[in-house]
């Protein structure tokens, strides 16, 4: 059975997305922030080389992840 994703409140998401937001987010926070699944976020962060492991804690560098995402930007007519 799939594990239920932790829901973040609107205020928590706003705090994450402010200009002075966190430099590092957890996998749960990142998945909620980018509106994608946790495993998809983990794989994309790995591809972006933005993952940092500290003991058992996994953190993702938001700046590196954003730069990686910008590489996939498409122009629409």
PDB file of N, CA and C in Angstrom:
ATOM      1  N   UNK A   1       0.832  -1.168   0.000  1.00  0.00           N
ATOM      2  CA  UNK A   1       0.000   0.000   0.000  1.00  0.00           C
ATOM      3  C   UNK A   1       0.886   1.244   0.000  1.00  0.00           C
ATOM      4  N   UNK A   2       0.501   2.234  -0.773  1.00  0.00           N
ATOM      5  CA  UNK A   2       1.291   3.460  -0.891  1.00  0.00           C
ATOM      6  C   UNK A   2       1.214   4.277   0.388  1.00  0.00           C
ATOM      7  N   UNK A   3       2.323   4.897   0.716  1.00  0.00           N
ATOM      8  CA  UNK A   3       2.381   5.744   1.906  1.00  0.00           C
ATOM      9  C   UNK A   3       1.764   7.094   1.577  1.00  0.00           C
ATOM     10  N   UNK A   4       0.926   7.598   2.471  1.00  0.00           N
ATOM     11  CA  UNK A   4       0.278   8.885   2.245  1.00  0.00           C
ATOM     12  C   UNK A   4       1.297  10.012   2.378  1.00  0.00           C
ATOM     13  N   UNK A   5       1.290  10.901   1.410  1.00  0.00           N
ATOM     14  CA  UNK A   5       2.214  12.028   1.389  1.00  0.00           C
ATOM     15  C   UNK A   5       1.820  13.056   2.441  1.00  0.00           C
ATOM     16  N   UNK A   6       2.805  13.610   3.115  1.00  0.00           N
ATOM     17  CA  UNK A   6       2.551  14.651   4.106  1.00  0.00           C
ATOM     18  C   UNK A   6       2.098  15.907   3.374  1.00  0.00           C
ATOM     19  N   UNK A   7       0.959  16.429   3.778  1.00  0.00           N
ATOM     20  CA  UNK A   7       0.428  17.638   3.162  1.00  0.00           C
ATOM     21  C   UNK A   7       1.006  18.860   3.864  1.00  0.00           C
ATOM     22  N   UNK A   8       1.469  19.818   3.084  1.00  0.00           N
ATOM     23  CA  UNK A   8       1.963  21.075   3.639  1.00  0.00           C
ATOM     24  C   UNK A   8       0.858  22.111   3.539  1.00  0.00           C
ATOM     25  N   UNK A   9       0.770  22.966   4.537  1.00  0.00           N
ATOM     26  CA  UNK A   9      -0.239  24.019   4.514  1.00  0.00           C
ATOM     27  C   UNK A   9       0.182  25.105   3.519  1.00  0.00           C
ATOM     28  N   UNK A  10      -0.774  25.958   3.190  1.00  0.00           N
ATOM     29  CA  UNK A  10      -0.500  27.059   2.267  1.00  0.00           C
ATOM     30  C   UNK A  10       0.591  27.960   2.837  1.00  0.00           C
ATOM     31  N   UNK A  11       0.540  28.209   4.147  1.00  0.00           N
ATOM     32  CA  UNK A  11       1.548  29.069   4.770  1.00  0.00           C
ATOM     33  C   UNK A  11       2.940  28.459   4.679  1.00  0.00           C
ATOM     34  N   UNK A  12       3.023  27.142   4.869  1.00  0.00           N
ATOM     35  CA  UNK A  12       4.318  26.472   4.778  1.00  0.00           C
ATOM     36  C   UNK A  12       4.873  26.546   3.359  1.00  0.00           C
ATOM     37  N   UNK A  13       4.013  26.366   2.355  1.00  0.00           N
ATOM     38  CA  UNK A  13       4.460  26.473   0.962  1.00  0.00           C
ATOM     39  C   UNK A  13       4.899  27.896   0.637  1.00  0.00           C
ATOM     40  N   UNK A  14       4.170  28.887   1.142  1.00  0.00           N
ATOM     41  CA  UNK A  14       4.559  30.281   0.908  1.00  0.00           C
ATOM     42  C   UNK A  14       5.920  30.574   1.528  1.00  0.00           C
ATOM     43  N   UNK A  15       6.172  30.036   2.713  1.00  0.00           N
ATOM     44  CA  UNK A  15       7.479  30.235   3.353  1.00  0.00           C
ATOM     45  C   UNK A  15       8.594  29.612   2.523  1.00  0.00           C
ATOM     46  N   UNK A  16       8.323  28.470   1.904  1.00  0.00           N
ATOM     47  CA  UNK A  16       9.340  27.806   1.088  1.00  0.00           C
ATOM     48  C   UNK A  16       9.619  28.557  -0.208  1.00  0.00           C
ATOM     49  N   UNK A  17       8.607  29.226  -0.753  1.00  0.00           N
ATOM     50  CA  UNK A  17       8.759  29.849  -2.064  1.00  0.00           C
ATOM     51  C   UNK A  17       9.159  31.314  -2.013  1.00  0.00           C
ATOM     52  N   UNK A  18       9.253  31.898  -0.850  1.00  0.00           N
ATOM     53  CA  UNK A  18       9.683  33.299  -0.746  1.00  0.00           C
ATOM     54  C   UNK A  18      11.099  33.453  -1.282  1.00  0.00           C
ATOM     55  N   UNK A  19      11.451  34.670  -1.647  1.00  0.00           N
ATOM     56  CA  UNK A  19      12.782  34.938  -2.178  1.00  0.00           C
ATOM     57  C   UNK A  19      13.897  34.508  -1.239  1.00  0.00           C
ATOM     58  N   UNK A  20      13.656  34.576   0.039  1.00  0.00           N
ATOM     59  CA  UNK A  20      14.666  34.177   1.019  1.00  0.00           C
ATOM     60  C   UNK A  20      14.333  32.800   1.585  1.00  0.00           C
ATOM     61  N   UNK A  21      13.769  31.942   0.750  1.00  0.00           N
ATOM     62  CA  UNK A  21      13.377  30.601   1.181  1.00  0.00           C
ATOM     63  C   UNK A  21      14.575  29.750   1.573  1.00  0.00           C
ATOM     64  N   UNK A  22      14.292  28.527   1.894  1.00  0.00           N
ATOM     65  CA  UNK A  22      15.342  27.609   2.321  1.00  0.00           C
ATOM     66  C   UNK A  22      16.315  27.314   1.191  1.00  0.00           C
ATOM     67  N   UNK A  23      17.558  27.103   1.537  1.00  0.00           N
ATOM     68  CA  UNK A  23      18.554  26.707   0.548  1.00  0.00           C
ATOM     69  C   UNK A  23      18.448  25.208   0.290  1.00  0.00           C
ATOM     70  N   UNK A  24      18.078  24.459   1.319  1.00  0.00           N
ATOM     71  CA  UNK A  24      17.936  23.009   1.213  1.00  0.00           C
ATOM     72  C   UNK A  24      16.544  22.609   1.680  1.00  0.00           C
ATOM     73  N   UNK A  25      15.940  21.654   0.989  1.00  0.00           N
ATOM     74  CA  UNK A  25      14.637  21.127   1.389  1.00  0.00           C
ATOM     75  C   UNK A  25      14.720  19.612   1.487  1.00  0.00           C
ATOM     76  N   UNK A  26      13.826  19.046   2.273  1.00  0.00           N
ATOM     77  CA  UNK A  26      13.740  17.590   2.358  1.00  0.00           C
ATOM     78  C   UNK A  26      13.018  17.073   1.115  1.00  0.00           C
ATOM     79  N   UNK A  27      13.008  15.774   0.939  1.00  0.00           N
ATOM     80  CA  UNK A  27      12.317  15.191  -0.210  1.00  0.00           C
ATOM     81  C   UNK A  27      10.820  15.469  -0.151  1.00  0.00           C
ATOM     82  N   UNK A  28      10.224  15.380   1.036  1.00  0.00           N
ATOM     83  CA  UNK A  28       8.792  15.666   1.177  1.00  0.00           C
ATOM     84  C   UNK A  28       8.483  17.123   0.840  1.00  0.00           C
ATOM     85  N   UNK A  29       9.290  18.044   1.358  1.00  0.00           N
ATOM     86  CA  UNK A  29       9.076  19.466   1.088  1.00  0.00           C
ATOM     87  C   UNK A  29       9.257  19.772  -0.393  1.00  0.00           C
ATOM     88  N   UNK A  30      10.286  19.203  -1.008  1.00  0.00           N
ATOM     89  CA  UNK A  30      10.540  19.443  -2.428  1.00  0.00           C
ATOM     90  C   UNK A  30       9.435  18.908  -3.314  1.00  0.00           C
ATOM     91  N   UNK A  31       8.935  17.722  -2.992  1.00  0.00           N
ATOM     92  CA  UNK A  31       7.839  17.145  -3.773  1.00  0.00           C
ATOM     93  C   UNK A  31       6.601  18.028  -3.686  1.00  0.00           C
ATOM     94  N   UNK A  32       6.312  18.546  -2.498  1.00  0.00           N
ATOM     95  CA  UNK A  32       5.162  19.435  -2.328  1.00  0.00           C
ATOM     96  C   UNK A  32       5.398  20.772  -3.022  1.00  0.00           C
ATOM     97  N   UNK A  33       6.608  21.282  -2.938  1.00  0.00           N
ATOM     98  CA  UNK A  33       6.947  22.575  -3.524  1.00  0.00           C
ATOM     99  C   UNK A  33       6.831  22.555  -5.045  1.00  0.00           C
ATOM    100  N   UNK A  34       7.299  21.488  -5.678  1.00  0.00           N
ATOM    101  CA  UNK A  34       7.300  21.398  -7.139  1.00  0.00           C
ATOM    102  C   UNK A  34       6.101  20.631  -7.687  1.00  0.00           C
ATOM    103  N   UNK A  35       5.203  20.188  -6.798  1.00  0.00           N
ATOM    104  CA  UNK A  35       3.973  19.494  -7.184  1.00  0.00           C
ATOM    105  C   UNK A  35       4.247  18.252  -8.026  1.00  0.00           C
ATOM    106  N   UNK A  36       5.247  17.485  -7.606  1.00  0.00           N
ATOM    107  CA  UNK A  36       5.555  16.213  -8.255  1.00  0.00           C
ATOM    108  C   UNK A  36       5.694  15.150  -7.171  1.00  0.00           C
ATOM    109  N   UNK A  37       5.709  13.912  -7.571  1.00  0.00           N
ATOM    110  CA  UNK A  37       5.843  12.827  -6.613  1.00  0.00           C
ATOM    111  C   UNK A  37       7.217  12.802  -5.965  1.00  0.00           C
ATOM    112  N   UNK A  38       7.258  12.191  -4.792  1.00  0.00           N
ATOM    113  CA  UNK A  38       8.504  12.142  -4.022  1.00  0.00           C
ATOM    114  C   UNK A  38       9.595  11.384  -4.771  1.00  0.00           C
ATOM    115  N   UNK A  39       9.255  10.245  -5.380  1.00  0.00           N
ATOM    116  CA  UNK A  39      10.264   9.468  -6.106  1.00  0.00           C
ATOM    117  C   UNK A  39      10.739  10.194  -7.361  1.00  0.00           C
ATOM    118  N   UNK A  40       9.825  10.881  -8.043  1.00  0.00           N
ATOM    119  CA  UNK A  40      10.207  11.675  -9.214  1.00  0.00           C
ATOM    120  C   UNK A  40      11.137  12.807  -8.799  1.00  0.00           C
ATOM    121  N   UNK A  41      10.796  13.478  -7.691  1.00  0.00           N
ATOM    122  CA  UNK A  41      11.647  14.562  -7.192  1.00  0.00           C
ATOM    123  C   UNK A  41      13.020  14.035  -6.811  1.00  0.00           C
ATOM    124  N   UNK A  42      13.061  12.878  -6.153  1.00  0.00           N
ATOM    125  CA  UNK A  42      14.337  12.286  -5.746  1.00  0.00           C
ATOM    126  C   UNK A  42      15.202  11.979  -6.976  1.00  0.00           C
ATOM    127  N   UNK A  43      14.611  11.393  -8.020  1.00  0.00           N
ATOM    128  CA  UNK A  43      15.372  11.031  -9.213  1.00  0.00           C
ATOM    129  C   UNK A  43      15.873  12.278  -9.946  1.00  0.00           C
ATOM    130  N   UNK A  44      15.003  13.298 -10.057  1.00  0.00           N
ATOM    131  CA  UNK A  44      15.417  14.528 -10.730  1.00  0.00           C
ATOM    132  C   UNK A  44      16.517  15.234  -9.943  1.00  0.00           C
ATOM    133  N   UNK A  45      16.414  15.237  -8.616  1.00  0.00           N
ATOM    134  CA  UNK A  45      17.449  15.853  -7.778  1.00  0.00           C
ATOM    135  C   UNK A  45      18.765  15.102  -7.920  1.00  0.00           C
ATOM    136  N   UNK A  46      18.675  13.792  -8.040  1.00  0.00           N
ATOM    137  CA  UNK A  46      19.880  12.980  -8.244  1.00  0.00           C
ATOM    138  C   UNK A  46      20.516  13.320  -9.589  1.00  0.00           C
ATOM    139  N   UNK A  47      19.694  13.434 -10.639  1.00  0.00           N
ATOM    140  CA  UNK A  47      20.199  13.799 -11.964  1.00  0.00           C
ATOM    141  C   UNK A  47      20.827  15.196 -11.956  1.00  0.00           C
ATOM    142  N   UNK A  48      20.280  16.086 -11.129  1.00  0.00           N
ATOM    143  CA  UNK A  48      20.792  17.455 -11.030  1.00  0.00           C
ATOM    144  C   UNK A  48      22.028  17.546 -10.141  1.00  0.00           C
ATOM    145  N   UNK A  49      22.406  16.426  -9.522  1.00  0.00           N
ATOM    146  CA  UNK A  49      23.526  16.397  -8.575  1.00  0.00           C
ATOM    147  C   UNK A  49      23.303  17.407  -7.449  1.00  0.00           C
ATOM    148  N   UNK A  50      22.063  17.430  -6.943  1.00  0.00           N
ATOM    149  CA  UNK A  50      21.676  18.378  -5.907  1.00  0.00           C
ATOM    150  C   UNK A  50      21.385  17.707  -4.571  1.00  0.00           C
ATOM    151  N   UNK A  51      21.691  16.416  -4.450  1.00  0.00           N
ATOM    152  CA  UNK A  51      21.384  15.680  -3.223  1.00  0.00           C
ATOM    153  C   UNK A  51      22.576  15.697  -2.275  1.00  0.00           C
ATOM    154  N   UNK A  52      22.272  15.960  -1.015  1.00  0.00           N
ATOM    155  CA  UNK A  52      23.256  15.899   0.059  1.00  0.00           C
ATOM    156  C   UNK A  52      22.722  14.948   1.120  1.00  0.00           C
ATOM    157  N   UNK A  53      23.543  13.982   1.525  1.00  0.00           N
ATOM    158  CA  UNK A  53      23.140  13.042   2.568  1.00  0.00           C
ATOM    159  C   UNK A  53      23.949  13.325   3.817  1.00  0.00           C
ATOM    160  N   UNK A  54      23.251  13.544   4.905  1.00  0.00           N
ATOM    161  CA  UNK A  54      23.877  13.764   6.200  1.00  0.00           C
ATOM    162  C   UNK A  54      23.312  12.694   7.124  1.00  0.00           C
ATOM    163  N   UNK A  55      24.138  11.709   7.416  1.00  0.00           N
ATOM    164  CA  UNK A  55      23.689  10.516   8.135  1.00  0.00           C
ATOM    165  C   UNK A  55      22.511   9.904   7.380  1.00  0.00           C
ATOM    166  N   UNK A  56      21.333   9.893   7.950  1.00  0.00           N
ATOM    167  CA  UNK A  56      20.172   9.301   7.280  1.00  0.00           C
ATOM    168  C   UNK A  56      19.281  10.366   6.643  1.00  0.00           C
ATOM    169  N   UNK A  57      19.637  11.612   6.783  1.00  0.00           N
ATOM    170  CA  UNK A  57      18.823  12.717   6.281  1.00  0.00           C
ATOM    171  C   UNK A  57      19.237  13.057   4.852  1.00  0.00           C
ATOM    172  N   UNK A  58      18.252  13.210   3.960  1.00  0.00           N
ATOM    173  CA  UNK A  58      18.509  13.573   2.566  1.00  0.00           C
ATOM    174  C   UNK A  58      17.990  14.986   2.342  1.00  0.00           C
ATOM    175  N   UNK A  59      18.877  15.866   1.879  1.00  0.00           N
ATOM    176  CA  UNK A  59      18.511  17.247   1.584  1.00  0.00           C
ATOM    177  C   UNK A  59      18.822  17.550   0.127  1.00  0.00           C
ATOM    178  N   UNK A  60      18.036  18.446  -0.457  1.00  0.00           N
ATOM    179  CA  UNK A  60      18.207  18.817  -1.860  1.00  0.00           C
ATOM    180  C   UNK A  60      18.492  20.311  -1.934  1.00  0.00           C
ATOM    181  N   UNK A  61      19.543  20.675  -2.663  1.00  0.00           N
ATOM    182  CA  UNK A  61      19.899  22.073  -2.884  1.00  0.00           C
ATOM    183  C   UNK A  61      18.916  22.651  -3.903  1.00  0.00           C
ATOM    184  N   UNK A  62      18.087  23.595  -3.453  1.00  0.00           N
ATOM    185  CA  UNK A  62      17.029  24.154  -4.292  1.00  0.00           C
ATOM    186  C   UNK A  62      17.610  24.914  -5.481  1.00  0.00           C
ATOM    187  N   UNK A  63      18.704  25.640  -5.282  1.00  0.00           N
ATOM    188  CA  UNK A  63      19.299  26.420  -6.373  1.00  0.00           C
ATOM    189  C   UNK A  63      19.784  25.501  -7.497  1.00  0.00           C
ATOM    190  N   UNK A  64      20.479  24.428  -7.154  1.00  0.00           N
ATOM    191  CA  UNK A  64      20.945  23.482  -8.175  1.00  0.00           C
ATOM    192  C   UNK A  64      19.769  22.825  -8.883  1.00  0.00           C
ATOM    193  N   UNK A  65      18.728  22.484  -8.121  1.00  0.00           N
ATOM    194  CA  UNK A  65      17.552  21.849  -8.714  1.00  0.00           C
ATOM    195  C   UNK A  65      16.858  22.809  -9.678  1.00  0.00           C
ATOM    196  N   UNK A  66      16.731  24.083  -9.297  1.00  0.00           N
ATOM    197  CA  UNK A  66      16.102  25.078 -10.170  1.00  0.00           C
ATOM    198  C   UNK A  66      16.890  25.256 -11.467  1.00  0.00           C
ATOM    199  N   UNK A  67      18.214  25.298 -11.372  1.00  0.00           N
ATOM    200  CA  UNK A  67      19.046  25.425 -12.571  1.00  0.00           C
ATOM    201  C   UNK A  67      18.859  24.221 -13.487  1.00  0.00           C
ATOM    202  N   UNK A  68      18.753  23.048 -12.906  1.00  0.00           N
ATOM    203  CA  UNK A  68      18.514  21.829 -13.673  1.00  0.00           C
ATOM    204  C   UNK A  68      17.162  21.910 -14.377  1.00  0.00           C
ATOM    205  N   UNK A  69      16.147  22.392 -13.675  1.00  0.00           N
ATOM    206  CA  UNK A  69      14.804  22.510 -14.253  1.00  0.00           C
ATOM    207  C   UNK A  69      14.781  23.506 -15.411  1.00  0.00           C
ATOM    208  N   UNK A  70      15.537  24.584 -15.305  1.00  0.00           N
ATOM    209  CA  UNK A  70      15.574  25.598 -16.359  1.00  0.00           C
ATOM    210  C   UNK A  70      16.096  25.027 -17.679  1.00  0.00           C
ATOM    211  N   UNK A  71      16.897  23.987 -17.617  1.00  0.00           N
ATOM    212  CA  UNK A  71      17.431  23.368 -18.832  1.00  0.00           C
ATOM    213  C   UNK A  71      16.329  22.723 -19.665  1.00  0.00           C
ATOM    214  N   UNK A  72      15.184  22.452 -19.057  1.00  0.00           N
ATOM    215  CA  UNK A  72      14.083  21.804 -19.765  1.00  0.00           C
ATOM    216  C   UNK A  72      13.019  22.785 -20.234  1.00  0.00           C
ATOM    217  N   UNK A  73      13.274  24.070 -20.071  1.00  0.00           N
ATOM    218  CA  UNK A  73      12.298  25.085 -20.449  1.00  0.00           C
ATOM    219  C   UNK A  73      12.080  25.071 -21.958  1.00  0.00           C
ATOM    220  N   UNK A  74      10.806  25.149 -22.351  1.00  0.00           N
ATOM    221  CA  UNK A  74      10.454  25.184 -23.773  1.00  0.00           C
ATOM    222  C   UNK A  74       9.758  26.499 -24.084  1.00  0.00           C
ATOM    223  N   UNK A  75       9.966  26.966 -25.291  1.00  0.00           N
ATOM    224  CA  UNK A  75       9.272  28.161 -25.755  1.00  0.00           C
ATOM    225  C   UNK A  75       7.952  27.741 -26.381  1.00  0.00           C
ATOM    226  N   UNK A  76       6.880  28.407 -25.983  1.00  0.00           N
ATOM    227  CA  UNK A  76       5.569  28.128 -26.558  1.00  0.00           C
ATOM    228  C   UNK A  76       5.166  29.283 -27.450  1.00  0.00           C
ATOM    229  N   UNK A  77       4.522  28.950 -28.553  1.00  0.00           N
ATOM    230  CA  UNK A  77       4.088  29.988 -29.501  1.00  0.00           C
ATOM    231  C   UNK A  77       2.912  30.759 -28.974  1.00  0.00           C
TER     232      UNK A  77
END
